[in-house]
PDB file of N, CA and C in Angstrom:
ATOM      1  N   MET A   1      37.576 267.691 126.412  1.00  0.00           N
ATOM      2  CA  MET A   1      38.215 267.171 125.218  1.00  0.00           C
ATOM      3  C   MET A   1      39.675 267.657 125.192  1.00  0.00           C
ATOM      4  N   PRO A   2      40.629 266.741 125.076  1.00  0.00           N
ATOM      5  CA  PRO A   2      42.034 267.152 125.072  1.00  0.00           C
ATOM      6  C   PRO A   2      42.388 267.926 123.804  1.00  0.00           C
ATOM      7  N   VAL A   3      43.319 268.831 123.965  1.00  0.00           N
ATOM      8  CA  VAL A   3      43.788 269.637 122.839  1.00  0.00           C
ATOM      9  C   VAL A   3      44.848 268.848 122.084  1.00  0.00           C
ATOM     10  N   ARG A   4      44.677 268.763 120.781  1.00  0.00           N
ATOM     11  CA  ARG A   4      45.660 268.049 119.960  1.00  0.00           C
ATOM     12  C   ARG A   4      46.701 269.039 119.469  1.00  0.00           C
ATOM     13  N   ARG A   5      47.906 268.684 119.647  1.00  0.00           N
ATOM     14  CA  ARG A   5      48.998 269.533 119.161  1.00  0.00           C
ATOM     15  C   ARG A   5      49.357 269.132 117.743  1.00  0.00           C
ATOM     16  N   ARG A   6      49.709 270.123 116.991  1.00  0.00           N
ATOM     17  CA  ARG A   6      50.130 269.860 115.613  1.00  0.00           C
ATOM     18  C   ARG A   6      51.507 269.218 115.591  1.00  0.00           C
ATOM     19  N   GLN A   7      51.661 268.346 114.634  1.00  0.00           N
ATOM     20  CA  GLN A   7      52.980 267.764 114.410  1.00  0.00           C
ATOM     21  C   GLN A   7      53.875 268.840 113.809  1.00  0.00           C
ATOM     22  N   PRO A   8      55.145 268.900 114.189  1.00  0.00           N
ATOM     23  CA  PRO A   8      56.029 269.874 113.562  1.00  0.00           C
ATOM     24  C   PRO A   8      56.175 269.573 112.077  1.00  0.00           C
ATOM     25  N   ARG A   9      56.180 270.612 111.282  1.00  0.00           N
ATOM     26  CA  ARG A   9      56.276 270.457 109.836  1.00  0.00           C
ATOM     27  C   ARG A   9      57.680 270.003 109.456  1.00  0.00           C
ATOM     28  N   ARG A  10      57.734 269.016 108.580  1.00  0.00           N
ATOM     29  CA  ARG A  10      59.038 268.528 108.131  1.00  0.00           C
ATOM     30  C   ARG A  10      59.720 269.586 107.285  1.00  0.00           C
ATOM     31  N   GLN A  11      60.995 269.716 107.481  1.00  0.00           N
ATOM     32  CA  GLN A  11      61.740 270.663 106.666  1.00  0.00           C
ATOM     33  C   GLN A  11      62.121 269.989 105.368  1.00  0.00           C
ATOM     34  N   GLU A  12      61.580 270.498 104.285  1.00  0.00           N
ATOM     35  CA  GLU A  12      61.867 269.917 102.979  1.00  0.00           C
ATOM     36  C   GLU A  12      63.171 270.437 102.407  1.00  0.00           C
ATOM     37  N   THR A  13      63.647 271.543 102.933  1.00  0.00           N
ATOM     38  CA  THR A  13      64.860 272.116 102.361  1.00  0.00           C
ATOM     39  C   THR A  13      66.091 271.279 102.670  1.00  0.00           C
ATOM     40  N   GLY A  14      66.092 270.530 103.770  1.00  0.00           N
ATOM     41  CA  GLY A  14      67.258 269.727 104.119  1.00  0.00           C
ATOM     42  C   GLY A  14      67.560 268.673 103.071  1.00  0.00           C
ATOM     43  N   ALA A  15      66.553 267.949 102.645  1.00  0.00           N
ATOM     44  CA  ALA A  15      66.758 266.911 101.637  1.00  0.00           C
ATOM     45  C   ALA A  15      67.119 267.523 100.290  1.00  0.00           C
ATOM     46  N   ALA A  16      66.483 268.631  99.949  1.00  0.00           N
ATOM     47  CA  ALA A  16      66.791 269.284  98.676  1.00  0.00           C
ATOM     48  C   ALA A  16      68.216 269.818  98.674  1.00  0.00           C
ATOM     49  N   GLU A  17      68.636 270.384  99.784  1.00  0.00           N
ATOM     50  CA  GLU A  17      70.013 270.887  99.876  1.00  0.00           C
ATOM     51  C   GLU A  17      71.019 269.748  99.764  1.00  0.00           C
ATOM     52  N   ARG A  18      70.757 268.654 100.457  1.00  0.00           N
ATOM     53  CA  ARG A  18      71.670 267.501 100.374  1.00  0.00           C
ATOM     54  C   ARG A  18      71.722 266.951  98.954  1.00  0.00           C
ATOM     55  N   TYR A  19      70.570 266.945  98.277  1.00  0.00           N
ATOM     56  CA  TYR A  19      70.559 266.454  96.900  1.00  0.00           C
ATOM     57  C   TYR A  19      71.373 267.377  96.005  1.00  0.00           C
ATOM     58  N   ARG A  20      71.221 268.694  96.178  1.00  0.00           N
ATOM     59  CA  ARG A  20      72.006 269.641  95.371  1.00  0.00           C
ATOM     60  C   ARG A  20      73.502 269.455  95.595  1.00  0.00           C
ATOM     61  N   GLU A  21      73.871 269.181  96.845  1.00  0.00           N
ATOM     62  CA  GLU A  21      75.288 268.993  97.170  1.00  0.00           C
ATOM     63  C   GLU A  21      75.875 267.756  96.504  1.00  0.00           C
ATOM     64  N   MET A  22      75.020 266.810  96.126  1.00  0.00           N
ATOM     65  CA  MET A  22      75.514 265.617  95.428  1.00  0.00           C
ATOM     66  C   MET A  22      76.077 265.976  94.059  1.00  0.00           C
ATOM     67  N   GLY A  23      75.581 267.026  93.438  1.00  0.00           N
ATOM     68  CA  GLY A  23      76.117 267.500  92.170  1.00  0.00           C
ATOM     69  C   GLY A  23      75.808 266.603  90.983  1.00  0.00           C
ATOM     70  N   ILE A  24      74.652 265.997  90.972  1.00  0.00           N
ATOM     71  CA  ILE A  24      74.318 265.086  89.875  1.00  0.00           C
ATOM     72  C   ILE A  24      74.154 265.837  88.560  1.00  0.00           C
ATOM     73  N   ALA A  25      73.556 267.023  88.596  1.00  0.00           N
ATOM     74  CA  ALA A  25      73.369 267.793  87.355  1.00  0.00           C
ATOM     75  C   ALA A  25      74.713 268.125  86.719  1.00  0.00           C
ATOM     76  N   ALA A  26      75.679 268.509  87.527  1.00  0.00           N
ATOM     77  CA  ALA A  26      77.010 268.809  87.007  1.00  0.00           C
ATOM     78  C   ALA A  26      77.690 267.550  86.490  1.00  0.00           C
ATOM     79  N   ALA A  27      77.494 266.438  87.174  1.00  0.00           N
ATOM     80  CA  ALA A  27      78.115 265.179  86.753  1.00  0.00           C
ATOM     81  C   ALA A  27      77.530 264.683  85.439  1.00  0.00           C
ATOM     82  N   LEU A  28      76.244 264.968  85.208  1.00  0.00           N
ATOM     83  CA  LEU A  28      75.629 264.537  83.944  1.00  0.00           C
ATOM     84  C   LEU A  28      76.256 265.230  82.740  1.00  0.00           C
ATOM     85  N   SER A  29      76.759 266.432  82.937  1.00  0.00           N
ATOM     86  CA  SER A  29      77.338 267.166  81.811  1.00  0.00           C
ATOM     87  C   SER A  29      78.778 266.746  81.513  1.00  0.00           C
ATOM     88  N   ARG A  30      79.386 265.973  82.399  1.00  0.00           N
ATOM     89  CA  ARG A  30      80.745 265.468  82.147  1.00  0.00           C
ATOM     90  C   ARG A  30      80.646 264.055  81.590  1.00  0.00           C
ATOM     91  N   PRO A  31      81.164 263.831  80.381  1.00  0.00           N
ATOM     92  CA  PRO A  31      81.007 262.508  79.744  1.00  0.00           C
ATOM     93  C   PRO A  31      81.544 261.350  80.579  1.00  0.00           C
ATOM     94  N   TRP A  32      82.614 261.542  81.306  1.00  0.00           N
ATOM     95  CA  TRP A  32      83.188 260.445  82.082  1.00  0.00           C
ATOM     96  C   TRP A  32      82.386 260.169  83.364  1.00  0.00           C
ATOM     97  N   ASP A  33      81.574 261.125  83.819  1.00  0.00           N
ATOM     98  CA  ASP A  33      80.744 260.928  85.008  1.00  0.00           C
ATOM     99  C   ASP A  33      79.294 260.584  84.676  1.00  0.00           C
ATOM    100  N   TYR A  34      78.924 260.660  83.404  1.00  0.00           N
ATOM    101  CA  TYR A  34      77.532 260.438  83.015  1.00  0.00           C
ATOM    102  C   TYR A  34      77.002 259.067  83.462  1.00  0.00           C
ATOM    103  N   PRO A  35      77.715 257.974  83.228  1.00  0.00           N
ATOM    104  CA  PRO A  35      77.184 256.670  83.657  1.00  0.00           C
ATOM    105  C   PRO A  35      77.002 256.564  85.172  1.00  0.00           C
ATOM    106  N   THR A  36      77.921 257.113  85.927  1.00  0.00           N
ATOM    107  CA  THR A  36      77.812 257.071  87.383  1.00  0.00           C
ATOM    108  C   THR A  36      76.627 257.897  87.868  1.00  0.00           C
ATOM    109  N   ALA A  37      76.464 259.086  87.291  1.00  0.00           N
ATOM    110  CA  ALA A  37      75.343 259.943  87.677  1.00  0.00           C
ATOM    111  C   ALA A  37      74.009 259.286  87.335  1.00  0.00           C
ATOM    112  N   CYS A  38      73.938 258.618  86.196  1.00  0.00           N
ATOM    113  CA  CYS A  38      72.706 257.907  85.835  1.00  0.00           C
ATOM    114  C   CYS A  38      72.439 256.752  86.800  1.00  0.00           C
ATOM    115  N   GLY A  39      73.483 256.088  87.234  1.00  0.00           N
ATOM    116  CA  GLY A  39      73.325 255.024  88.218  1.00  0.00           C
ATOM    117  C   GLY A  39      72.805 255.558  89.548  1.00  0.00           C
ATOM    118  N   GLU A  40      73.295 256.729  89.954  1.00  0.00           N
ATOM    119  CA  GLU A  40      72.802 257.354  91.183  1.00  0.00           C
ATOM    120  C   GLU A  40      71.330 257.740  91.044  1.00  0.00           C
ATOM    121  N   LEU A  41      70.976 258.294  89.898  1.00  0.00           N
ATOM    122  CA  LEU A  41      69.572 258.650  89.661  1.00  0.00           C
ATOM    123  C   LEU A  41      68.686 257.406  89.672  1.00  0.00           C
ATOM    124  N   ALA A  42      69.152 256.347  89.048  1.00  0.00           N
ATOM    125  CA  ALA A  42      68.373 255.112  89.011  1.00  0.00           C
ATOM    126  C   ALA A  42      68.161 254.557  90.421  1.00  0.00           C
ATOM    127  N   ALA A  43      69.193 254.614  91.243  1.00  0.00           N
ATOM    128  CA  ALA A  43      69.069 254.128  92.618  1.00  0.00           C
ATOM    129  C   ALA A  43      68.088 254.986  93.414  1.00  0.00           C
ATOM    130  N   LEU A  44      68.154 256.296  93.220  1.00  0.00           N
ATOM    131  CA  LEU A  44      67.214 257.177  93.910  1.00  0.00           C
ATOM    132  C   LEU A  44      65.779 256.896  93.494  1.00  0.00           C
ATOM    133  N   LEU A  45      65.574 256.704  92.206  1.00  0.00           N
ATOM    134  CA  LEU A  45      64.223 256.439  91.721  1.00  0.00           C
ATOM    135  C   LEU A  45      63.710 255.085  92.216  1.00  0.00           C
ATOM    136  N   ARG A  46      64.582 254.111  92.244  1.00  0.00           N
ATOM    137  CA  ARG A  46      64.180 252.758  92.614  1.00  0.00           C
ATOM    138  C   ARG A  46      63.961 252.619  94.117  1.00  0.00           C
ATOM    139  N   LEU A  47      64.820 253.232  94.916  1.00  0.00           N
ATOM    140  CA  LEU A  47      64.813 252.954  96.348  1.00  0.00           C
ATOM    141  C   LEU A  47      64.131 254.003  97.219  1.00  0.00           C
ATOM    142  N   GLY A  48      64.091 255.260  96.769  1.00  0.00           N
ATOM    143  CA  GLY A  48      63.598 256.235  97.725  1.00  0.00           C
ATOM    144  C   GLY A  48      62.832 257.414  97.196  1.00  0.00           C
ATOM    145  N   TYR A  49      62.455 257.406  95.936  1.00  0.00           N
ATOM    146  CA  TYR A  49      61.806 258.586  95.364  1.00  0.00           C
ATOM    147  C   TYR A  49      60.508 258.925  96.087  1.00  0.00           C
ATOM    148  N   ALA A  50      59.710 257.952  96.437  1.00  0.00           N
ATOM    149  CA  ALA A  50      58.407 258.209  97.059  1.00  0.00           C
ATOM    150  C   ALA A  50      58.549 258.762  98.474  1.00  0.00           C
ATOM    151  N   GLU A  51      59.649 258.480  99.150  1.00  0.00           N
ATOM    152  CA  GLU A  51      59.813 258.913 100.535  1.00  0.00           C
ATOM    153  C   GLU A  51      60.455 260.282 100.682  1.00  0.00           C
ATOM    154  N   ILE A  52      61.075 260.814  99.629  1.00  0.00           N
ATOM    155  CA  ILE A  52      61.729 262.111  99.767  1.00  0.00           C
ATOM    156  C   ILE A  52      60.711 263.234  99.610  1.00  0.00           C
ATOM    157  N   PRO A  53      60.989 264.396 100.189  1.00  0.00           N
ATOM    158  CA  PRO A  53      60.053 265.526 100.095  1.00  0.00           C
ATOM    159  C   PRO A  53      59.856 265.998  98.657  1.00  0.00           C
ATOM    160  N   LYS A  54      58.759 266.714  98.450  1.00  0.00           N
ATOM    161  CA  LYS A  54      58.384 267.168  97.105  1.00  0.00           C
ATOM    162  C   LYS A  54      59.455 268.047  96.470  1.00  0.00           C
ATOM    163  N   ALA A  55      60.091 268.900  97.262  1.00  0.00           N
ATOM    164  CA  ALA A  55      61.125 269.781  96.718  1.00  0.00           C
ATOM    165  C   ALA A  55      62.283 268.959  96.146  1.00  0.00           C
ATOM    166  N   ALA A  56      62.674 267.924  96.859  1.00  0.00           N
ATOM    167  CA  ALA A  56      63.750 267.068  96.375  1.00  0.00           C
ATOM    168  C   ALA A  56      63.281 266.223  95.194  1.00  0.00           C
ATOM    169  N   GLN A  57      62.001 265.800  95.196  1.00  0.00           N
ATOM    170  CA  GLN A  57      61.458 265.055  94.060  1.00  0.00           C
ATOM    171  C   GLN A  57      61.515 265.894  92.787  1.00  0.00           C
ATOM    172  N   ALA A  58      61.246 267.183  92.912  1.00  0.00           N
ATOM    173  CA  ALA A  58      61.298 268.061  91.742  1.00  0.00           C
ATOM    174  C   ALA A  58      62.718 268.153  91.189  1.00  0.00           C
ATOM    175  N   LEU A  59      63.697 268.202  92.073  1.00  0.00           N
ATOM    176  CA  LEU A  59      65.094 268.249  91.624  1.00  0.00           C
ATOM    177  C   LEU A  59      65.497 266.947  90.932  1.00  0.00           C
ATOM    178  N   VAL A  60      65.073 265.829  91.493  1.00  0.00           N
ATOM    179  CA  VAL A  60      65.390 264.530  90.892  1.00  0.00           C
ATOM    180  C   VAL A  60      64.738 264.428  89.515  1.00  0.00           C
ATOM    181  N   ALA A  61      63.478 264.844  89.410  1.00  0.00           N
ATOM    182  CA  ALA A  61      62.775 264.772  88.129  1.00  0.00           C
ATOM    183  C   ALA A  61      63.442 265.652  87.078  1.00  0.00           C
ATOM    184  N   SER A  62      63.891 266.836  87.478  1.00  0.00           N
ATOM    185  CA  SER A  62      64.557 267.704  86.501  1.00  0.00           C
ATOM    186  C   SER A  62      65.891 267.114  86.059  1.00  0.00           C
ATOM    187  N   ASP A  63      66.597 266.434  86.970  1.00  0.00           N
ATOM    188  CA  ASP A  63      67.851 265.791  86.586  1.00  0.00           C
ATOM    189  C   ASP A  63      67.612 264.580  85.690  1.00  0.00           C
ATOM    190  N   VAL A  64      66.515 263.875  85.887  1.00  0.00           N
ATOM    191  CA  VAL A  64      66.183 262.750  85.004  1.00  0.00           C
ATOM    192  C   VAL A  64      65.925 263.272  83.592  1.00  0.00           C
ATOM    193  N   LEU A  65      65.183 264.364  83.492  1.00  0.00           N
ATOM    194  CA  LEU A  65      64.939 264.953  82.164  1.00  0.00           C
ATOM    195  C   LEU A  65      66.232 265.435  81.532  1.00  0.00           C
ATOM    196  N   LEU A  66      67.112 266.032  82.336  1.00  0.00           N
ATOM    197  CA  LEU A  66      68.410 266.470  81.828  1.00  0.00           C
ATOM    198  C   LEU A  66      69.220 265.273  81.329  1.00  0.00           C
ATOM    199  N   ALA A  67      69.166 264.165  82.056  1.00  0.00           N
ATOM    200  CA  ALA A  67      69.899 262.968  81.642  1.00  0.00           C
ATOM    201  C   ALA A  67      69.412 262.466  80.293  1.00  0.00           C
ATOM    202  N   PHE A  68      68.102 262.506  80.062  1.00  0.00           N
ATOM    203  CA  PHE A  68      67.590 262.078  78.766  1.00  0.00           C
ATOM    204  C   PHE A  68      67.990 263.046  77.653  1.00  0.00           C
ATOM    205  N   ARG A  69      68.005 264.342  77.966  1.00  0.00           N
ATOM    206  CA  ARG A  69      68.426 265.312  76.944  1.00  0.00           C
ATOM    207  C   ARG A  69      69.896 265.151  76.579  1.00  0.00           C
ATOM    208  N   LEU A  70      70.730 264.807  77.561  1.00  0.00           N
ATOM    209  CA  LEU A  70      72.164 264.681  77.319  1.00  0.00           C
ATOM    210  C   LEU A  70      72.586 263.264  76.938  1.00  0.00           C
ATOM    211  N   LEU A  71      71.623 262.380  76.774  1.00  0.00           N
ATOM    212  CA  LEU A  71      71.907 260.985  76.459  1.00  0.00           C
ATOM    213  C   LEU A  71      72.786 260.891  75.217  1.00  0.00           C
ATOM    214  N   PRO A  72      73.944 260.249  75.340  1.00  0.00           N
ATOM    215  CA  PRO A  72      74.809 260.091  74.169  1.00  0.00           C
ATOM    216  C   PRO A  72      74.144 259.215  73.114  1.00  0.00           C
ATOM    217  N   GLU A  73      74.393 259.562  71.885  1.00  0.00           N
ATOM    218  CA  GLU A  73      73.788 258.810  70.776  1.00  0.00           C
ATOM    219  C   GLU A  73      74.569 257.591  70.405  1.00  0.00           C
TER     220      GLU A  73
END
């Protein structure tokens, strides 16, 4: 019986680091960048949320909640 080798584990930190570097949380707190940051979040949710690693999904989810908390009235 042949020995099966394990697949190398995907590094989840790479996607999370790249997401942090985007600075969406900081952009949400600036009124002039809020619409753009929300557009970026919407695109991430629509196009790629299911494919990104769990660590990056957690960051996106926390930024979505932050966006709702900072939503202008």
